[in-house]
């Protein structure tokens, strides 16, 4: 399985930026390979993330293991 992290490189929320950073740092520290998807530049990627989560208002970060939703966004 592959880990996918949906995140946004452009966020007005300090809390979102911090949470995203913590997730990526954790994965790096554990040497877990992952694919980071920046939704900031594409409305299509944001919609893809929200569809996969099953919530039309889901915000990044969101984590998936293959097609399995692992959750994450605390906001």
C-alpha atoms as a PDB file:
ATOM      1  CA  UNK A   1       0.000   0.000   0.000  1.00  0.00           C
ATOM      2  CA  UNK A   2       1.078   3.573  -0.529  1.00  0.00           C
ATOM      3  CA  UNK A   3       0.474   6.488   1.803  1.00  0.00           C
ATOM      4  CA  UNK A   4      -0.999   9.629   0.248  1.00  0.00           C
ATOM      5  CA  UNK A   5      -1.149  12.918   2.132  1.00  0.00           C
ATOM      6  CA  UNK A   6      -3.353  15.672   0.761  1.00  0.00           C
ATOM      7  CA  UNK A   7      -2.101  19.055   1.976  1.00  0.00           C
ATOM      8  CA  UNK A   8      -2.182  22.716   0.971  1.00  0.00           C
ATOM      9  CA  UNK A   9       0.969  24.761   0.478  1.00  0.00           C
ATOM     10  CA  UNK A  10      -1.192  27.888   0.742  1.00  0.00           C
ATOM     11  CA  UNK A  11      -3.209  28.176   3.921  1.00  0.00           C
ATOM     12  CA  UNK A  12      -4.342  31.146   5.958  1.00  0.00           C
ATOM     13  CA  UNK A  13      -4.600  28.983   9.041  1.00  0.00           C
ATOM     14  CA  UNK A  14      -1.542  28.651  11.241  1.00  0.00           C
ATOM     15  CA  UNK A  15      -3.116  25.585  12.842  1.00  0.00           C
ATOM     16  CA  UNK A  16      -3.541  23.822   9.477  1.00  0.00           C
ATOM     17  CA  UNK A  17       0.083  24.586   8.514  1.00  0.00           C
ATOM     18  CA  UNK A  18       1.320  23.228  11.856  1.00  0.00           C
ATOM     19  CA  UNK A  19      -0.779  20.078  11.616  1.00  0.00           C
ATOM     20  CA  UNK A  20       0.394  19.395   8.070  1.00  0.00           C
ATOM     21  CA  UNK A  21       4.007  19.898   9.106  1.00  0.00           C
ATOM     22  CA  UNK A  22       3.649  17.516  12.056  1.00  0.00           C
ATOM     23  CA  UNK A  23       2.196  14.763   9.873  1.00  0.00           C
ATOM     24  CA  UNK A  24       4.915  15.040   7.238  1.00  0.00           C
ATOM     25  CA  UNK A  25       7.662  15.214   9.896  1.00  0.00           C
ATOM     26  CA  UNK A  26       6.269  12.091  11.575  1.00  0.00           C
ATOM     27  CA  UNK A  27       6.250  10.145   8.317  1.00  0.00           C
ATOM     28  CA  UNK A  28       9.780  11.327   7.512  1.00  0.00           C
ATOM     29  CA  UNK A  29      11.051  10.445  10.999  1.00  0.00           C
ATOM     30  CA  UNK A  30       9.606   6.935  10.736  1.00  0.00           C
ATOM     31  CA  UNK A  31      11.041   6.633   7.202  1.00  0.00           C
ATOM     32  CA  UNK A  32       7.574   5.940   5.837  1.00  0.00           C
ATOM     33  CA  UNK A  33       7.375   6.613   2.129  1.00  0.00           C
ATOM     34  CA  UNK A  34       4.446   8.750   1.084  1.00  0.00           C
ATOM     35  CA  UNK A  35       3.106  10.733  -1.834  1.00  0.00           C
ATOM     36  CA  UNK A  36       2.261  14.361  -1.011  1.00  0.00           C
ATOM     37  CA  UNK A  37      -0.548  15.937  -3.053  1.00  0.00           C
ATOM     38  CA  UNK A  38      -0.736  19.734  -2.913  1.00  0.00           C
ATOM     39  CA  UNK A  39      -4.361  20.755  -3.453  1.00  0.00           C
ATOM     40  CA  UNK A  40      -3.590  24.504  -3.458  1.00  0.00           C
ATOM     41  CA  UNK A  41      -3.124  24.769  -7.202  1.00  0.00           C
ATOM     42  CA  UNK A  42      -6.014  22.613  -8.329  1.00  0.00           C
ATOM     43  CA  UNK A  43      -9.696  22.670  -7.524  1.00  0.00           C
ATOM     44  CA  UNK A  44      -9.877  19.219  -9.114  1.00  0.00           C
ATOM     45  CA  UNK A  45      -7.448  17.794  -6.541  1.00  0.00           C
ATOM     46  CA  UNK A  46      -9.407  19.417  -3.701  1.00  0.00           C
ATOM     47  CA  UNK A  47     -12.622  17.852  -5.015  1.00  0.00           C
ATOM     48  CA  UNK A  48     -10.871  14.485  -5.411  1.00  0.00           C
ATOM     49  CA  UNK A  49      -9.738  14.663  -1.768  1.00  0.00           C
ATOM     50  CA  UNK A  50     -13.213  15.620  -0.552  1.00  0.00           C
ATOM     51  CA  UNK A  51     -14.852  12.868  -2.588  1.00  0.00           C
ATOM     52  CA  UNK A  52     -12.454  10.260  -1.175  1.00  0.00           C
ATOM     53  CA  UNK A  53     -13.091  11.519   2.376  1.00  0.00           C
ATOM     54  CA  UNK A  54     -16.839  11.559   1.817  1.00  0.00           C
ATOM     55  CA  UNK A  55     -17.209  15.100   3.136  1.00  0.00           C
ATOM     56  CA  UNK A  56     -17.800  18.017   0.742  1.00  0.00           C
ATOM     57  CA  UNK A  57     -16.220  20.471   3.190  1.00  0.00           C
ATOM     58  CA  UNK A  58     -13.162  18.417   4.246  1.00  0.00           C
ATOM     59  CA  UNK A  59      -9.978  20.425   4.732  1.00  0.00           C
ATOM     60  CA  UNK A  60      -6.360  19.315   4.489  1.00  0.00           C
ATOM     61  CA  UNK A  61      -4.442  17.515   5.729  1.00  0.00           C
ATOM     62  CA  UNK A  62      -6.040  14.172   4.896  1.00  0.00           C
ATOM     63  CA  UNK A  63      -4.220  10.831   4.852  1.00  0.00           C
ATOM     64  CA  UNK A  64      -4.933   7.651   2.911  1.00  0.00           C
ATOM     65  CA  UNK A  65      -3.294   4.235   2.930  1.00  0.00           C
ATOM     66  CA  UNK A  66      -4.019   3.101  -0.600  1.00  0.00           C
ATOM     67  CA  UNK A  67      -7.772   3.641  -0.929  1.00  0.00           C
ATOM     68  CA  UNK A  68      -8.373   3.396   2.826  1.00  0.00           C
ATOM     69  CA  UNK A  69      -9.139   6.719   4.485  1.00  0.00           C
ATOM     70  CA  UNK A  70      -7.066   7.209   7.641  1.00  0.00           C
ATOM     71  CA  UNK A  71      -8.484  10.592   8.590  1.00  0.00           C
ATOM     72  CA  UNK A  72      -6.546  13.435  10.159  1.00  0.00           C
ATOM     73  CA  UNK A  73      -7.937  16.932   9.736  1.00  0.00           C
ATOM     74  CA  UNK A  74      -8.753  18.159  13.241  1.00  0.00           C
ATOM     75  CA  UNK A  75     -10.276  21.431  12.147  1.00  0.00           C
END
